[in-house]
């Protein structure tokens, strides 16, 4: 049986645990899930921020995601949704760090 192409509804959103794993902030998806269930992830969309404890929470391109990683808070803007967990340069094209944007303005 041939694999069907993903519908637009399936490609414009992604589980937050899968996203954080694929962009290489967490070595395993289980570690990403653990952080999320501790309510250490916030998702901002359309000016509204919410804390989530559900690894299956959806994120979309344009969302701002904040989470705790390696004893610091990371805030990033979602540029693309990765199709796989690829090499670091490929993963870095999927987000931009908010702290980097603030430093560039100064």
N, C-alpha and C. Protein backbone atom coordinates (compact mmCIF):
# COMPACT_ATOMS: atom_id res chain seq x y z
N UNK A 1 0.84 -1.17 0.00
CA UNK A 1 0.00 0.00 0.00
C UNK A 1 0.89 1.24 0.00
N UNK A 2 0.61 2.20 -0.83
CA UNK A 2 1.40 3.43 -0.95
C UNK A 2 1.07 4.37 0.21
N UNK A 3 2.09 5.06 0.67
CA UNK A 3 1.91 6.03 1.74
C UNK A 3 1.23 7.28 1.19
N UNK A 4 0.20 7.73 1.88
CA UNK A 4 -0.54 8.91 1.42
C UNK A 4 0.16 10.16 1.90
N UNK A 5 0.04 11.22 1.13
CA UNK A 5 0.60 12.50 1.54
C UNK A 5 -0.18 13.03 2.74
N UNK A 6 0.52 13.74 3.61
CA UNK A 6 -0.12 14.32 4.79
C UNK A 6 -1.04 15.45 4.35
N UNK A 7 -2.19 15.52 4.97
CA UNK A 7 -3.12 16.60 4.66
C UNK A 7 -2.60 17.90 5.25
N UNK A 8 -3.06 19.05 4.76
CA UNK A 8 -2.60 20.33 5.30
C UNK A 8 -2.85 20.46 6.79
N UNK A 9 -3.94 19.86 7.28
CA UNK A 9 -4.24 19.95 8.71
C UNK A 9 -3.20 19.23 9.56
N UNK A 10 -2.57 18.20 9.02
CA UNK A 10 -1.59 17.44 9.77
C UNK A 10 -0.21 18.08 9.74
N UNK A 11 0.07 18.93 8.78
CA UNK A 11 1.40 19.50 8.65
C UNK A 11 1.51 20.92 9.21
N UNK A 12 0.42 21.54 9.59
CA UNK A 12 0.52 22.90 10.09
C UNK A 12 0.58 22.97 11.62
N UNK A 13 0.61 21.82 12.26
CA UNK A 13 0.73 21.78 13.72
C UNK A 13 1.55 20.56 14.10
N UNK A 14 2.08 20.60 15.35
CA UNK A 14 2.91 19.49 15.83
C UNK A 14 2.80 19.43 17.34
N UNK A 15 2.93 18.23 17.87
CA UNK A 15 2.96 18.05 19.32
C UNK A 15 4.19 18.78 19.87
N UNK A 16 4.03 19.42 21.00
CA UNK A 16 5.13 20.20 21.56
C UNK A 16 6.29 19.29 22.00
N UNK A 17 6.02 18.10 22.52
CA UNK A 17 7.11 17.20 22.91
C UNK A 17 7.91 16.75 21.70
N UNK A 18 7.24 16.47 20.62
CA UNK A 18 7.92 16.06 19.39
C UNK A 18 8.75 17.21 18.82
N UNK A 19 8.19 18.40 18.84
CA UNK A 19 8.92 19.58 18.34
C UNK A 19 10.21 19.80 19.13
N UNK A 20 10.13 19.80 20.47
CA UNK A 20 11.31 20.05 21.28
C UNK A 20 12.37 18.97 21.10
N UNK A 21 11.94 17.76 20.87
CA UNK A 21 12.89 16.67 20.60
C UNK A 21 13.53 16.84 19.22
N UNK A 22 12.74 17.13 18.22
CA UNK A 22 13.26 17.24 16.86
C UNK A 22 14.18 18.43 16.65
N UNK A 23 13.97 19.52 17.40
CA UNK A 23 14.87 20.66 17.25
C UNK A 23 16.09 20.54 18.17
N UNK A 24 16.23 19.38 18.80
CA UNK A 24 17.44 18.98 19.50
C UNK A 24 17.68 19.70 20.82
N UNK A 25 16.63 20.15 21.50
CA UNK A 25 16.81 20.70 22.83
C UNK A 25 16.79 19.60 23.88
N UNK A 26 16.17 18.47 23.57
CA UNK A 26 16.14 17.33 24.47
C UNK A 26 16.62 16.10 23.70
N UNK A 27 17.46 15.32 24.33
CA UNK A 27 18.06 14.17 23.66
C UNK A 27 17.03 13.10 23.32
N UNK A 28 16.04 12.95 24.18
CA UNK A 28 14.98 11.96 23.92
C UNK A 28 13.62 12.64 24.04
N UNK A 29 12.65 12.03 23.42
CA UNK A 29 11.29 12.55 23.51
C UNK A 29 10.76 12.39 24.93
N UNK A 30 11.22 11.36 25.64
CA UNK A 30 10.80 11.14 27.03
C UNK A 30 11.26 12.29 27.93
N UNK A 31 12.45 12.82 27.70
CA UNK A 31 12.93 13.97 28.48
C UNK A 31 12.07 15.21 28.20
N UNK A 32 11.73 15.41 26.96
CA UNK A 32 10.86 16.54 26.61
C UNK A 32 9.50 16.37 27.27
N UNK A 33 8.96 15.17 27.24
CA UNK A 33 7.67 14.89 27.88
C UNK A 33 7.74 15.15 29.37
N UNK A 34 8.83 14.76 30.00
CA UNK A 34 9.01 14.97 31.44
C UNK A 34 8.97 16.46 31.79
N UNK A 35 9.66 17.30 31.03
CA UNK A 35 9.64 18.74 31.28
C UNK A 35 8.23 19.31 31.11
N UNK A 36 7.54 18.84 30.11
CA UNK A 36 6.20 19.36 29.84
C UNK A 36 5.24 18.98 30.96
N UNK A 37 5.30 17.75 31.43
CA UNK A 37 4.37 17.31 32.48
C UNK A 37 4.63 18.01 33.80
N UNK A 38 5.81 18.57 33.99
CA UNK A 38 6.11 19.37 35.19
C UNK A 38 5.60 20.80 35.06
N UNK A 39 4.88 21.10 34.00
CA UNK A 39 4.36 22.43 33.71
C UNK A 39 5.47 23.45 33.51
N UNK A 40 6.55 23.01 32.91
CA UNK A 40 7.68 23.90 32.64
C UNK A 40 7.69 24.43 31.22
N UNK A 41 6.58 24.34 30.51
CA UNK A 41 6.51 24.84 29.14
C UNK A 41 5.35 25.80 29.02
N UNK A 42 5.62 26.94 28.37
CA UNK A 42 4.57 27.93 28.10
C UNK A 42 4.51 28.17 26.59
N UNK A 43 3.30 28.29 26.09
CA UNK A 43 3.09 28.53 24.67
C UNK A 43 2.32 29.83 24.52
N UNK A 44 2.85 30.76 23.74
CA UNK A 44 2.19 32.03 23.48
C UNK A 44 1.72 32.05 22.04
N UNK A 45 0.45 32.38 21.87
CA UNK A 45 -0.15 32.45 20.54
C UNK A 45 -1.15 33.59 20.54
N UNK A 46 -1.04 34.47 19.56
CA UNK A 46 -1.96 35.60 19.41
C UNK A 46 -2.06 36.44 20.68
N UNK A 47 -0.92 36.66 21.35
CA UNK A 47 -0.89 37.49 22.54
C UNK A 47 -1.37 36.81 23.80
N UNK A 48 -1.74 35.56 23.74
CA UNK A 48 -2.23 34.82 24.91
C UNK A 48 -1.21 33.75 25.26
N UNK A 49 -0.78 33.73 26.52
CA UNK A 49 0.20 32.75 26.99
C UNK A 49 -0.50 31.76 27.90
N UNK A 50 -0.17 30.48 27.69
CA UNK A 50 -0.74 29.45 28.57
C UNK A 50 0.35 28.45 28.94
N UNK A 51 0.26 27.98 30.16
CA UNK A 51 1.16 26.95 30.63
C UNK A 51 0.53 25.61 30.31
N UNK A 52 1.34 24.66 29.87
CA UNK A 52 0.78 23.36 29.52
C UNK A 52 1.51 22.24 30.24
N UNK A 53 0.77 21.20 30.57
CA UNK A 53 1.36 19.99 31.14
C UNK A 53 1.04 18.78 30.26
N UNK A 54 0.58 19.06 29.03
CA UNK A 54 0.20 18.00 28.11
C UNK A 54 1.22 17.93 26.96
N UNK A 55 1.94 16.81 26.85
CA UNK A 55 2.90 16.67 25.76
C UNK A 55 2.26 16.72 24.38
N UNK A 56 0.96 16.42 24.32
CA UNK A 56 0.27 16.43 23.02
C UNK A 56 -0.28 17.80 22.65
N UNK A 57 0.02 18.83 23.44
CA UNK A 57 -0.43 20.18 23.11
C UNK A 57 0.15 20.57 21.75
N UNK A 58 -0.68 21.16 20.93
CA UNK A 58 -0.25 21.54 19.58
C UNK A 58 0.47 22.87 19.57
N UNK A 59 1.49 22.96 18.74
CA UNK A 59 2.13 24.24 18.45
C UNK A 59 2.04 24.47 16.96
N UNK A 60 2.07 25.74 16.59
CA UNK A 60 1.93 26.15 15.20
C UNK A 60 3.09 27.08 14.85
N UNK A 61 3.35 27.26 13.57
CA UNK A 61 4.34 28.24 13.13
C UNK A 61 3.91 29.61 13.62
N UNK A 62 4.83 30.35 14.20
CA UNK A 62 4.53 31.67 14.74
C UNK A 62 4.36 31.68 16.25
N UNK A 63 4.19 30.52 16.87
CA UNK A 63 4.06 30.44 18.32
C UNK A 63 5.39 30.77 18.99
N UNK A 64 5.30 31.23 20.23
CA UNK A 64 6.47 31.46 21.07
C UNK A 64 6.43 30.39 22.15
N UNK A 65 7.51 29.65 22.30
CA UNK A 65 7.58 28.56 23.26
C UNK A 65 8.67 28.88 24.27
N UNK A 66 8.34 28.80 25.56
CA UNK A 66 9.31 29.01 26.64
C UNK A 66 9.38 27.74 27.47
N UNK A 67 10.60 27.34 27.82
CA UNK A 67 10.76 26.13 28.62
C UNK A 67 12.09 26.19 29.35
N UNK A 68 12.22 25.35 30.35
CA UNK A 68 13.41 25.26 31.17
C UNK A 68 14.31 24.16 30.63
N UNK A 69 15.56 24.49 30.32
CA UNK A 69 16.49 23.51 29.76
C UNK A 69 17.90 23.83 30.25
N UNK A 70 18.56 22.85 30.85
CA UNK A 70 19.94 23.02 31.33
C UNK A 70 20.10 24.24 32.24
N UNK A 71 19.23 24.34 33.22
CA UNK A 71 19.28 25.38 34.25
C UNK A 71 19.10 26.80 33.72
N UNK A 72 18.45 26.94 32.59
CA UNK A 72 18.12 28.28 32.09
C UNK A 72 16.80 28.22 31.33
N UNK A 73 16.17 29.37 31.22
CA UNK A 73 14.91 29.46 30.50
C UNK A 73 15.21 29.79 29.04
N UNK A 74 14.66 29.00 28.16
CA UNK A 74 14.84 29.19 26.72
C UNK A 74 13.52 29.68 26.15
N UNK A 75 13.56 30.76 25.39
CA UNK A 75 12.37 31.27 24.72
C UNK A 75 12.68 31.34 23.23
N UNK A 76 11.81 30.71 22.44
CA UNK A 76 12.05 30.68 21.01
C UNK A 76 10.77 30.89 20.23
N UNK A 77 10.95 31.34 19.02
CA UNK A 77 9.84 31.54 18.09
C UNK A 77 9.90 30.42 17.05
N UNK A 78 8.75 29.81 16.79
CA UNK A 78 8.68 28.68 15.86
C UNK A 78 8.61 29.23 14.43
N UNK A 79 9.61 28.88 13.61
CA UNK A 79 9.66 29.32 12.22
C UNK A 79 9.11 28.25 11.27
N UNK A 80 9.45 26.99 11.53
CA UNK A 80 9.03 25.85 10.71
C UNK A 80 8.80 24.67 11.63
N UNK A 81 8.06 23.69 11.14
CA UNK A 81 7.87 22.45 11.88
C UNK A 81 8.74 21.39 11.22
N UNK A 82 9.70 20.83 11.97
CA UNK A 82 10.63 19.88 11.38
C UNK A 82 9.95 18.57 11.02
N UNK A 83 10.37 17.98 9.91
CA UNK A 83 9.82 16.70 9.48
C UNK A 83 10.51 15.52 10.14
N UNK A 84 11.72 15.77 10.66
CA UNK A 84 12.48 14.70 11.29
C UNK A 84 13.47 15.30 12.27
N UNK A 85 14.10 14.44 13.06
CA UNK A 85 15.19 14.89 13.93
C UNK A 85 16.47 14.77 13.13
N UNK A 86 16.83 15.83 12.47
CA UNK A 86 17.99 15.83 11.60
C UNK A 86 19.18 16.45 12.27
N UNK A 87 20.18 16.81 11.50
CA UNK A 87 21.38 17.43 12.05
C UNK A 87 21.07 18.82 12.63
N UNK A 88 21.95 19.29 13.48
CA UNK A 88 21.73 20.56 14.18
C UNK A 88 21.47 21.74 13.24
N UNK A 89 22.24 21.90 12.15
CA UNK A 89 21.96 23.04 11.26
C UNK A 89 20.54 23.00 10.69
N UNK A 90 20.06 21.83 10.40
CA UNK A 90 18.69 21.68 9.89
C UNK A 90 17.67 22.04 10.97
N UNK A 91 17.94 21.61 12.20
CA UNK A 91 17.04 21.90 13.31
C UNK A 91 16.99 23.39 13.62
N UNK A 92 18.14 24.07 13.52
CA UNK A 92 18.21 25.48 13.85
C UNK A 92 17.43 26.36 12.88
N UNK A 93 17.11 25.86 11.71
CA UNK A 93 16.30 26.61 10.75
C UNK A 93 14.82 26.62 11.13
N UNK A 94 14.45 25.84 12.13
CA UNK A 94 13.05 25.72 12.52
C UNK A 94 12.65 26.68 13.63
N UNK A 95 13.61 27.40 14.21
CA UNK A 95 13.29 28.31 15.31
C UNK A 95 14.30 29.45 15.34
N UNK A 96 13.94 30.48 16.07
CA UNK A 96 14.88 31.55 16.37
C UNK A 96 14.75 31.86 17.85
N UNK A 97 15.88 32.02 18.51
CA UNK A 97 15.87 32.32 19.94
C UNK A 97 15.48 33.77 20.16
N UNK A 98 14.58 34.00 21.07
CA UNK A 98 14.11 35.36 21.37
C UNK A 98 15.23 36.17 22.01
N UNK A 99 16.04 35.57 22.87
CA UNK A 99 17.14 36.29 23.52
C UNK A 99 18.11 36.84 22.48
N UNK A 100 18.37 36.07 21.42
CA UNK A 100 19.25 36.53 20.36
C UNK A 100 18.69 37.76 19.66
N UNK A 101 17.39 37.80 19.48
CA UNK A 101 16.76 38.96 18.83
C UNK A 101 16.90 40.20 19.72
N UNK A 102 16.75 40.04 21.03
CA UNK A 102 16.87 41.18 21.95
C UNK A 102 18.30 41.71 21.98
N UNK A 103 19.30 40.82 21.92
CA UNK A 103 20.69 41.25 21.93
C UNK A 103 21.05 42.02 20.67
N UNK A 104 20.46 41.62 19.53
CA UNK A 104 20.74 42.29 18.26
C UNK A 104 20.22 43.72 18.26
N UNK A 105 19.15 43.99 18.98
CA UNK A 105 18.57 45.35 19.02
C UNK A 105 19.44 46.30 19.81
N UNK A 106 20.16 45.79 20.83
CA UNK A 106 20.97 46.65 21.69
C UNK A 106 22.23 47.15 21.03
